[in-house]
Structure formats: structure tokens, C-alpha cells
Protein backbone atom coordinates (compact mmCIF):
# COMPACT_ATOMS: atom_id res chain seq x y z
CA MET A 1 0.00 0.00 0.00
CA PHE A 2 1.09 3.57 -0.66
CA PRO A 3 0.90 6.73 1.45
CA GLU A 4 -1.83 9.06 0.21
CA ARG A 5 0.71 11.43 -1.38
CA LEU A 6 1.81 8.59 -3.71
CA ILE A 7 -1.65 7.38 -4.78
CA ASP A 8 -1.84 8.12 -8.51
CA VAL A 9 -5.52 8.62 -9.36
CA SER A 10 -7.72 10.93 -11.38
CA ILE A 11 -10.79 12.46 -9.75
CA ASN A 12 -13.80 13.33 -11.87
CA LYS A 13 -15.21 16.31 -10.00
CA ARG A 14 -18.10 16.87 -12.38
CA ALA A 15 -19.33 13.30 -12.51
CA SER A 16 -21.59 12.28 -9.66
CA ARG A 17 -23.82 9.36 -8.87
CA VAL A 18 -26.11 8.27 -6.08
CA VAL A 19 -24.57 5.38 -4.18
CA ASP A 20 -26.44 3.09 -1.81
CA VAL A 21 -24.15 3.11 1.22
CA SER A 22 -25.83 -0.01 2.57
CA GLU A 23 -29.10 -1.84 2.68
CA SER A 24 -28.29 -3.50 5.98
CA GLY A 25 -28.55 -2.34 9.55
CA LEU A 26 -24.97 -3.52 10.05
CA PHE A 27 -23.65 -0.55 8.13
CA GLY A 28 -26.57 1.87 8.42
CA THR A 29 -29.06 2.80 5.70
CA GLN A 30 -28.34 5.95 3.74
CA THR A 31 -27.48 7.20 0.28
CA ALA A 32 -24.89 9.71 -0.83
CA THR A 33 -24.15 11.62 -4.02
CA VAL A 34 -20.44 11.37 -4.74
CA GLY A 35 -17.88 11.79 -7.50
CA GLN A 36 -15.70 9.11 -9.02
CA VAL A 37 -12.04 8.20 -8.60
CA ARG A 38 -10.12 6.25 -11.24
CA PRO A 39 -6.75 4.69 -10.42
CA LYS A 40 -4.05 5.33 -13.01
CA TYR A 41 -3.00 1.73 -13.50
CA LEU A 42 0.26 0.96 -15.23
CA THR A 43 0.01 -0.93 -18.53
CA ARG A 44 2.30 -2.51 -21.12
CA ARG A 45 3.21 0.95 -22.41
CA ASP A 46 4.91 1.62 -19.07
CA HIS A 47 7.19 -1.43 -19.19
CA GLY A 48 10.09 0.63 -20.57
CA TRP A 49 10.48 3.08 -17.69
CA VAL A 50 9.45 0.43 -15.15
CA GLU A 51 12.40 -1.65 -16.32
CA GLN A 52 14.69 1.39 -15.84
CA VAL A 53 13.56 1.74 -12.24
CA LEU A 54 13.94 -2.00 -11.66
CA ASP A 55 17.49 -1.94 -13.03
CA ALA A 56 18.40 1.09 -10.90
CA VAL A 57 17.16 -0.55 -7.71
CA THR A 58 18.83 -3.87 -8.54
CA ALA A 59 22.14 -2.09 -9.14
CA SER A 60 21.82 -0.42 -5.73
CA VAL A 61 21.84 -3.66 -3.74
CA GLY A 62 24.42 -3.45 -0.97
CA GLN A 63 24.46 0.36 -0.89
CA PRO A 64 23.29 2.53 2.05
CA ARG A 65 19.76 3.87 2.05
CA CYS A 66 20.91 7.48 1.63
CA GLU A 67 22.88 6.62 -1.53
CA VAL A 68 20.01 4.54 -2.94
CA ALA A 69 17.59 7.42 -2.40
CA ALA A 70 19.99 9.85 -4.10
CA ARG A 71 20.42 7.55 -7.10
CA LEU A 72 16.66 7.17 -7.55
CA ARG A 73 16.13 10.93 -7.27
CA GLU A 74 18.65 11.53 -10.04
CA GLY A 75 16.77 9.32 -12.47
CA PRO A 76 15.35 10.64 -15.76
CA SER A 77 12.26 12.82 -15.79
CA PHE A 78 9.10 10.75 -16.09
CA GLY A 79 6.72 13.61 -16.89
CA GLU A 80 3.17 12.76 -15.95
CA HIS A 81 4.38 9.51 -14.34
CA TRP A 82 6.38 11.24 -11.60
CA ARG A 83 3.98 10.10 -8.85
CA ALA A 84 3.88 6.55 -10.23
CA HIS A 85 7.70 6.60 -10.36
CA ARG A 86 7.94 7.57 -6.70
CA ALA A 87 5.34 5.00 -5.71
CA LEU A 88 7.11 2.28 -7.70
CA CYS A 89 10.42 3.10 -5.98
CA TYR A 90 8.62 2.98 -2.63
CA LEU A 91 7.19 -0.44 -3.49
CA LEU A 92 10.48 -1.85 -4.73
CA LEU A 93 12.43 -0.69 -1.68
CA ARG A 94 9.84 -2.33 0.57
CA LEU A 95 10.08 -5.57 -1.41
CA HIS A 96 13.89 -5.54 -1.09
CA GLY A 97 14.16 -4.25 2.46
CA PHE A 98 17.20 -2.88 4.28
CA GLU A 99 19.55 -4.58 6.70
CA VAL A 100 22.46 -3.77 9.02
CA SER A 101 25.80 -4.60 7.38
CA ALA A 102 28.50 -4.94 10.04
CA PRO A 103 30.83 -7.77 11.18
CA ILE A 104 29.83 -7.10 14.79
CA LYS A 105 26.68 -5.53 16.15
CA PRO A 106 27.06 -1.73 16.12
CA GLN A 107 25.87 -1.53 19.75
CA ARG A 108 28.77 -3.78 20.79
CA LEU A 109 31.28 -1.76 18.77
CA ARG A 110 30.15 1.51 20.32
CA ALA A 111 30.23 0.05 23.83
CA ALA A 112 33.76 -1.29 23.31
CA LEU A 113 35.03 2.04 21.92
CA PHE A 114 33.40 4.17 24.63
CA ASN A 115 34.71 1.87 27.38
CA ALA A 116 38.21 1.94 25.90
CA ALA A 117 38.13 5.74 25.63
CA ALA A 118 36.94 6.06 29.26
CA ALA A 119 39.65 3.69 30.51
CA ALA A 120 42.46 5.33 28.54
CA GLN A 121 44.85 7.49 30.50
CA GLY A 122 45.89 10.86 29.24
CA SER A 123 44.52 11.95 25.88
CA PRO A 124 45.05 9.12 23.39
CA ASP A 125 43.99 9.91 19.86
CA ARG A 126 40.98 8.29 18.23
CA GLN A 127 42.98 6.14 15.82
CA THR A 128 44.89 4.50 18.66
CA ILE A 129 41.67 3.56 20.48
CA VAL A 130 40.15 2.18 17.27
CA ARG A 131 43.24 0.04 16.56
CA ASP A 132 43.25 -1.31 20.13
CA VAL A 133 39.56 -2.23 20.00
CA ALA A 134 39.98 -3.79 16.54
CA ARG A 135 42.77 -5.98 17.93
CA GLN A 136 40.57 -7.07 20.87
CA LEU A 137 37.59 -7.92 18.63
CA SER A 138 39.68 -9.54 15.85
CA VAL A 139 38.47 -7.15 13.16
CA THR A 140 40.12 -4.40 11.16
CA ALA A 141 39.98 -0.72 11.96
CA GLU A 142 38.18 -0.11 8.64
CA GLN A 143 35.45 -2.57 9.64
CA ILE A 144 34.96 -0.75 12.94
CA GLU A 145 34.69 2.62 11.16
CA HIS A 146 32.22 1.17 8.68
CA GLY A 147 30.03 -0.66 11.21
CA LEU A 148 30.08 1.82 14.10
CA TYR A 149 26.77 3.45 13.10
CA ALA A 150 25.58 0.89 10.54
CA ASP A 151 22.28 0.47 12.37
CA LEU A 152 21.12 4.04 11.69
CA PRO A 153 18.23 4.14 9.16
CA ASP A 154 20.19 5.96 6.43
CA ALA A 155 23.23 3.68 6.88
CA ARG A 156 21.40 0.39 6.44
CA VAL A 157 22.10 -1.28 3.11
CA LEU A 158 19.65 -2.49 0.50
CA LYS A 159 19.06 -6.26 0.53
CA ALA A 160 18.59 -8.43 -2.53
CA SER A 161 14.98 -9.23 -3.36
CA LYS A 162 13.72 -12.70 -2.49
CA GLU A 163 11.47 -12.62 -5.56
CA ALA A 164 12.54 -12.71 -9.19
CA LEU A 165 10.86 -9.56 -10.45
CA ASP A 166 10.34 -8.55 -14.07
CA PRO A 167 8.50 -5.53 -15.53
CA ILE A 168 5.29 -7.51 -16.15
CA ALA A 169 5.08 -8.88 -12.60
CA LEU A 170 6.13 -5.53 -11.13
CA VAL A 171 3.38 -3.67 -12.99
CA GLU A 172 0.77 -6.11 -11.64
CA ARG A 173 2.19 -5.74 -8.11
CA TYR A 174 2.08 -1.95 -8.43
CA ASN A 175 -1.54 -2.01 -9.58
CA LEU A 176 -2.44 -4.30 -6.68
CA ALA A 177 -0.75 -1.93 -4.19
CA LEU A 178 -2.62 1.00 -5.75
CA ALA A 179 -5.95 -0.85 -5.36
CA GLN A 180 -5.08 -1.81 -1.77
CA SER A 181 -4.34 1.84 -0.98
CA LEU A 182 -7.83 2.83 -2.10
CA LEU A 183 -9.36 -0.08 -0.20
CA TRP A 184 -7.58 1.14 2.95
CA ARG A 185 -9.64 4.34 2.61
CA ALA A 186 -12.97 2.64 1.97
CA GLU A 187 -16.18 3.10 3.96
CA THR A 188 -18.28 0.42 2.30
CA LEU A 189 -17.76 -2.19 -0.40
CA LYS A 190 -20.16 -4.06 -2.64
CA ILE A 191 -18.66 -7.04 -4.46
CA ARG A 192 -20.15 -9.37 -7.04
CA LEU A 193 -18.75 -12.85 -7.60
CA SER A 194 -19.71 -15.61 -10.00
CA GLY A 195 -17.55 -18.36 -8.51
CA GLN A 196 -15.08 -19.35 -5.79
CA VAL A 197 -17.26 -17.56 -3.25
CA LYS A 198 -16.31 -19.92 -0.43
CA ALA A 199 -12.60 -19.05 -0.69
CA ALA A 200 -13.34 -15.31 -0.48
CA LEU A 201 -15.72 -15.80 2.44
CA ARG A 202 -13.34 -18.11 4.29
CA LEU A 203 -10.48 -15.62 4.25
CA ALA A 204 -12.81 -12.71 5.07
CA ARG A 205 -13.92 -14.62 8.16
CA LEU A 206 -10.33 -15.48 9.12
CA ARG A 207 -9.31 -11.84 8.74
CA GLY A 208 -12.20 -10.69 10.91
CA LEU A 209 -13.89 -8.60 8.20
CA LEU A 210 -17.51 -7.49 8.63
CA CYS A 211 -19.25 -9.24 5.75
CA LEU A 212 -22.78 -10.08 4.61
CA ALA A 213 -23.59 -12.29 1.61
CA GLU A 214 -26.63 -12.84 -0.57
CA ARG A 215 -27.53 -13.93 -4.09
CA ASP A 216 -28.76 -11.45 -6.65
CA PRO A 217 -32.11 -12.85 -7.87
CA VAL A 218 -31.67 -11.25 -11.30
CA SER A 219 -28.06 -12.01 -12.22
CA ALA A 220 -27.75 -15.00 -9.82
CA GLU A 221 -24.33 -13.67 -8.75
CA ALA A 222 -23.14 -13.72 -5.17
CA VAL A 223 -23.19 -10.25 -3.64
CA LEU A 224 -20.88 -9.50 -0.71
CA ARG A 225 -21.24 -6.34 1.35
CA LEU A 226 -18.27 -5.43 3.51
CA SER A 227 -17.68 -2.65 5.96
CA GLY A 228 -14.53 -0.69 5.13
CA PRO A 229 -11.84 0.52 7.57
CA LEU A 230 -13.20 4.08 7.65
CA ALA A 231 -16.59 2.82 8.82
CA LEU A 232 -15.06 1.80 12.16
CA PHE A 233 -14.34 3.92 15.20
CA HIS A 234 -11.40 1.88 16.51
CA HIS A 235 -8.64 -0.38 15.14
CA THR A 236 -8.94 1.10 11.65
CA THR A 237 -5.24 0.43 10.89
CA LYS A 238 -5.47 -3.24 11.86
CA TYR A 239 -8.74 -3.65 9.95
CA GLY A 240 -7.27 -1.83 6.94
CA ARG A 241 -4.35 -4.24 6.83
CA ALA A 242 -6.76 -7.18 7.01
CA MET A 243 -8.82 -5.71 4.17
CA ALA A 244 -5.71 -5.14 2.03
CA ALA A 245 -4.50 -8.70 2.71
CA TRP A 246 -7.90 -10.02 1.62
CA LEU A 247 -7.96 -8.19 -1.74
CA PRO A 248 -5.50 -10.56 -3.55
CA VAL A 249 -7.95 -13.43 -2.97
CA LEU A 250 -10.63 -11.45 -4.79
CA THR A 251 -8.38 -10.35 -7.66
CA GLY A 252 -7.19 -13.94 -8.13
CA GLY A 253 -10.77 -15.09 -8.83
CA PRO A 254 -12.25 -15.68 -12.28
CA ARG A 255 -15.03 -13.05 -12.54
CA TRP A 256 -15.65 -10.30 -10.01
CA SER A 257 -16.59 -6.64 -9.74
CA LEU A 258 -16.24 -4.17 -6.92
CA GLU A 259 -17.82 -0.85 -6.00
CA ALA A 260 -16.41 1.00 -3.01
CA THR A 261 -17.12 4.35 -1.38
CA CYS A 262 -13.74 5.83 -0.44
CA ILE A 263 -12.44 8.98 1.21
CA VAL A 264 -9.64 10.40 -0.97
CA SER A 265 -8.27 13.92 -0.55
CA ARG A 266 -11.02 14.55 2.02
CA ARG A 267 -13.72 13.81 -0.56
CA ARG A 268 -16.16 10.90 -0.67
CA LEU A 269 -15.67 9.19 -4.01
CA VAL A 270 -16.77 5.99 -5.74
CA TRP A 271 -14.18 3.53 -6.97
CA CYS A 272 -15.21 0.73 -9.35
CA ALA A 273 -13.01 -2.20 -10.34
CA SER A 274 -13.44 -5.60 -11.97
CA PHE A 275 -11.54 -8.64 -13.23
CA ARG A 276 -10.87 -6.71 -16.45
CA ASP A 277 -8.56 -4.28 -14.65
CA PRO A 278 -4.81 -5.09 -14.70
CA ILE A 279 -4.64 -5.80 -10.96
CA GLY A 280 -2.28 -8.60 -9.97
CA THR A 281 -2.47 -10.98 -7.04
CA THR A 282 0.01 -12.31 -4.51
CA HIS A 283 -2.33 -15.07 -3.36
CA ALA A 284 -2.02 -18.60 -4.65
CA PRO A 285 -5.13 -19.61 -6.59
CA PRO A 286 -7.59 -21.42 -4.33
CA GLN A 287 -7.88 -25.15 -4.69
CA ARG A 288 -10.80 -25.67 -7.03
CA PHE A 289 -12.00 -28.92 -5.49
CA ASP A 290 -11.83 -30.15 -1.92
CA SER A 291 -11.39 -33.78 -2.96
CA LYS A 292 -11.02 -36.13 -5.92
CA LEU A 293 -14.64 -37.13 -5.33
CA GLU A 294 -15.87 -33.60 -6.10
CA GLU A 295 -13.52 -33.22 -9.06
CA ARG A 296 -14.78 -36.49 -10.58
CA LEU A 297 -18.42 -35.48 -10.03
CA PHE A 298 -17.83 -32.13 -11.73
CA ARG A 299 -16.31 -33.83 -14.77
CA ASP A 300 -19.05 -36.48 -14.97
CA LEU A 301 -21.87 -33.93 -14.69
CA LYS A 302 -20.42 -31.88 -17.55
CA HIS A 303 -20.52 -35.06 -19.66
CA VAL A 304 -23.97 -36.32 -18.58
CA VAL A 305 -25.84 -32.98 -18.81
CA PRO A 306 -23.75 -30.78 -21.14
CA ARG A 307 -26.48 -28.11 -21.35
CA TRP A 308 -26.43 -27.55 -17.60
CA GLN A 309 -24.01 -25.18 -15.97
CA VAL A 310 -22.03 -26.63 -13.08
CA LEU A 311 -20.92 -23.79 -10.81
CA ARG A 312 -18.56 -24.10 -7.87
CA GLU A 313 -19.53 -22.43 -4.56
CA ALA A 314 -21.78 -19.91 -6.27
CA ASP A 315 -24.87 -19.40 -4.06
CA PRO A 316 -24.08 -18.18 -0.53
CA VAL A 317 -26.63 -18.52 2.26
CA GLN A 318 -26.55 -16.34 5.38
CA LEU A 319 -27.08 -18.36 8.57
CA GLY A 320 -26.89 -15.88 11.40
CA LYS A 321 -23.30 -14.67 11.52
CA ARG A 322 -22.13 -17.52 9.34
CA ILE A 323 -22.16 -17.69 5.54
CA VAL A 324 -22.22 -21.07 3.79
CA CYS A 325 -22.11 -22.14 0.16
CA PRO A 326 -23.10 -25.45 -1.46
CA ASP A 327 -20.30 -27.34 -3.16
CA PHE A 328 -22.04 -27.11 -6.55
CA THR A 329 -24.93 -25.24 -8.11
CA LEU A 330 -26.50 -26.95 -11.12
CA VAL A 331 -28.19 -24.47 -13.47
CA ASP A 332 -30.81 -25.96 -15.78
CA PRO A 333 -31.47 -23.32 -18.50
CA ASP A 334 -34.43 -25.24 -19.96
CA LYS A 335 -36.49 -25.23 -16.75
CA GLY A 336 -34.88 -22.20 -15.12
CA ARG A 337 -33.76 -24.18 -12.06
CA ARG A 338 -30.81 -23.60 -9.74
CA ILE A 339 -30.10 -26.76 -7.76
CA PRO A 340 -27.61 -26.54 -4.86
CA VAL A 341 -25.68 -29.78 -4.30
CA GLU A 342 -23.66 -30.52 -1.17
CA VAL A 343 -21.23 -33.45 -1.05
CA VAL A 344 -20.59 -35.15 2.31
CA GLY A 345 -17.91 -37.71 1.56
CA PHE A 346 -14.73 -37.86 3.61
CA TRP A 347 -15.45 -36.91 7.18
CA THR A 348 -14.43 -36.76 10.80
CA PRO A 349 -16.93 -36.83 13.70
CA GLU A 350 -16.47 -33.08 14.22
CA TYR A 351 -16.92 -32.36 10.52
CA LEU A 352 -20.05 -34.51 10.31
CA ARG A 353 -21.52 -32.86 13.41
CA ASP A 354 -20.89 -29.37 12.01
CA LYS A 355 -22.28 -30.32 8.59
CA LEU A 356 -25.52 -31.69 10.08
CA GLN A 357 -25.97 -28.57 12.19
CA THR A 358 -25.53 -26.42 9.09
CA LEU A 359 -28.08 -28.41 7.10
CA ARG A 360 -30.61 -28.23 9.92
CA ARG A 361 -30.30 -24.43 10.02
CA LEU A 362 -31.09 -23.92 6.34
CA PRO A 363 -34.26 -21.85 5.74
CA ALA A 364 -37.44 -23.77 5.05
CA ASP A 365 -37.56 -22.49 1.47
CA GLN A 366 -33.92 -23.37 0.82
CA ARG A 367 -33.47 -26.89 -0.56
CA TRP A 368 -30.11 -28.56 -1.02
CA ILE A 369 -29.46 -31.92 -2.64
CA VAL A 370 -27.19 -33.68 -0.15
CA CYS A 371 -24.94 -36.45 -1.50
CA ALA A 372 -23.87 -38.59 1.47
CA ASP A 373 -21.62 -41.61 1.57
CA ASN A 374 -23.33 -44.83 2.71
CA SER A 375 -20.70 -45.20 5.42
CA LEU A 376 -22.38 -42.26 7.19
CA ALA A 377 -25.74 -44.04 7.45
CA ASP A 378 -24.89 -45.68 10.78
CA LYS A 379 -23.03 -42.62 12.10
CA ALA A 380 -26.14 -40.46 12.31
CA ASP A 381 -29.73 -41.59 12.70
CA GLY A 382 -32.31 -40.76 10.11
CA ASP A 383 -33.70 -37.84 12.09
CA ALA A 384 -30.27 -36.19 12.07
CA TRP A 385 -30.47 -35.56 8.33
CA PRO A 386 -32.71 -32.49 7.99
CA THR A 387 -33.60 -32.89 4.33
CA ARG A 388 -35.61 -35.31 2.23
CA ASP A 389 -33.37 -34.47 -0.75
CA LEU A 390 -30.81 -37.05 0.32
CA PHE A 391 -28.85 -39.02 -2.27
CA TRP A 392 -26.82 -41.93 -0.93
CA PHE A 393 -23.73 -43.15 -2.76
CA ARG A 394 -20.78 -45.41 -2.09
CA CYS A 395 -17.20 -44.47 -2.97
CA ARG A 396 -18.17 -42.66 -6.18
CA ILE A 397 -21.16 -40.47 -7.08
CA ASP A 398 -22.93 -41.78 -10.17
CA ALA A 399 -23.71 -38.59 -12.12
CA GLU A 400 -26.48 -40.21 -14.19
CA ALA A 401 -28.19 -41.56 -11.07
CA LEU A 402 -27.85 -38.17 -9.38
CA VAL A 403 -29.48 -36.36 -12.32
CA ALA A 404 -32.31 -38.91 -12.37
CA PHE A 405 -32.76 -38.39 -8.60
CA ILE A 406 -32.94 -34.62 -9.10
CA GLU A 407 -35.56 -34.96 -11.85
CA ARG A 408 -37.62 -37.14 -9.53
CA VAL A 409 -37.56 -35.02 -6.37
CA TRP A 410 -37.02 -31.45 -7.58
């Protein structure tokens, strides 16, 4: 993330739109007329000067911070990209990091020198004291001179990057940091997802984000509403970091869009983004299937009913403070049906207990087809399963039999 002075955006002062701040009591119900903010993302046309900055930083490895800063300030003029240039240098230096370069800890060197000077009789010169201390510590006088104040911020040297960076990856990382900087200044967010909803919800819950989920009845997309850092009264920095850490999970997804109300330059502005924007991700792509059983079922369903859509974790359901998603949603375009399917295969007693509690809490008008392994039949009595839409299988789910079961009960 960047400090506000380095956020390279354009603000459309004339454009305005009415934004629904929230429809939920969690965030308050109000509307606001605001302008729009557009991040100035870097693109392929910027690869040339980005590579210059990358080469300059790479060549500065091992040099003190003050010299690195001077070298980057003396770079060529980047015209309208001056703010992006400063922000990119800021990002690169954070990715590299600085370290203390000294054979012995500077605190120990200073203590040894000051003690030797205090114990010396008469008025010995500085060079004599340095040579005596160097002899005691088995180092050279030059090493003592170099490392005496090596722990000061400007004296720390630039480390080598742990990542192999190239202009393409660096541009994506810059765009992600720019998006995270805007998200840090968000009041509310409205996000639409068409898949991998469970991964986004799981990390949002782990990060402690305030999140509500629902399904849009028109587009059938999952809609997430999150409270931003600026909507809180306390711990906004901690919450902002959690929000920024969550963003790469969203940008790593297949299809998503975002609308956020942000405070930039003391103005309330709307920021819109989607999967079409050149925003990178630092998060490993989520595992598409939880087991080989689910992966095989997905493949078989696509073969048995090719006209149906088979969506992964697409329809969230709010159960109190918890949000759950079925493993699959089968979309039948001919009959206009959306059929949630939950697979209960491999299990532990705790997992089975939690799964049954979740199924029992589903709303009365919410039906899920539950595929359960026959080995579970004697682990929970019949009353424990809260749905009549129960499809038993053994070892492997027969896709043809499952489709026939759906046609019979749905």
C-alpha cells in the first residue's frame, strides 16, 4: 500500500452518482451523491520506464539507504508519471528491504570504543583507540569505522529481493498496491462474484472482516457487502491491513466486480473495479475442489448434462453470523432451475456434526441436494439428516443416477 501522497488517481469532480451506502442495519441505511475516482494503473506501455527503475534498484543492492535514495532521485524525468515513479520506488524498496551490514553488532562496537576511551589514561587519539579495540575484537579498523553506526536508518544497506521480479510482474504488483491503498480508505464495499465464493468468504472470516452475503435474484451472482476501515471507530489500521490482505484473494478469482465508497483527498468518491482491470495478485489460486470425489463429479456432470451449468460455490446462504455455500450449483437453462448440491464424503466426527448442524439451520424455502456416503448411514440416525433431498452413494457419485434423482424429487 502507498501513502496518500503517492496514490496516482484521477478524480472526476463533475461526474456524480447516487450510491447506496448499505441496505443493511450492520452498516446503516443511507445514500450519498459522490464523484468518481479512477486509479491510473500501469500498462504494457509503461514497461520501458518500469524496467529502468527495476534496473536502478537492482544495481543499488548493498548500498546505504541514503545513496540509494539519491540515485533514484537523479533518475530521468518521467513527466506525468512522476507520482507513479515515486510510488514504484517505494514499493520496490519495501520488497527488497534494508539490513544492518557490520561484522559485529554496532551496539557492541560503540560500547567497546566508549569503554576503551573512558579507561584510557591521558589523551590518546581516536585512531589508537580504534586500533586497540579492533585488535581485541579480531576485526580491522576499517570494519569498525564502517560498522560503528551501521544500524542508523540511512546507513542500512539495501538487501537483494527474495522474488525474481520482471517488468510484467512488477506492474501487476504496483496495480495491486494502488488498489489496496484505495481499499484502505474505503467506507463500504459491494462485491459481485460468480464463482469461488467460499474461498473469499473463508479468508474474510479469518481476517475478521464485517461481511454479509446474498444472491442477486436477477443475475444470480453472489453479492458480498463489507464494511470498510473508515466505517469503524477503533482499530482502523489493523482492519485496513486485514482488508488489504484479503484483496488478492478477490483479484485472483475468475469473474468479479467491486464498487467502493472511499475517502480520498477529504472527498467521498466511488471507486469501481473488476476482473478486467490489470490488478495482480500475490495469493495462490484457491484449490478448485476439496477432494477427488468432487472433481470427478464435476467432470461427470459436464458429460452427462452438457447443457447444464455446473458452478462451484456460487450461491451463498446467510445463517446468522455464518455464511455457507453449497459445493455445486446446477443451473438448468431449460427449466430455469438452480439446484444446490452438497457433497458429504470424507469426514471426521467433528466435521459430520458441524455439517448436520448447518443443514438443519437452512431456511425452510432453501433446498439442497445432499450427496452422502453410505458409510455415514450408521453414524447419524435418520432424524439427524434435515432434508428429504438425500442421495446416498458409495465411494463414487454416479452422475447419471444423481441427475435422475434430481428430476424425480425437484
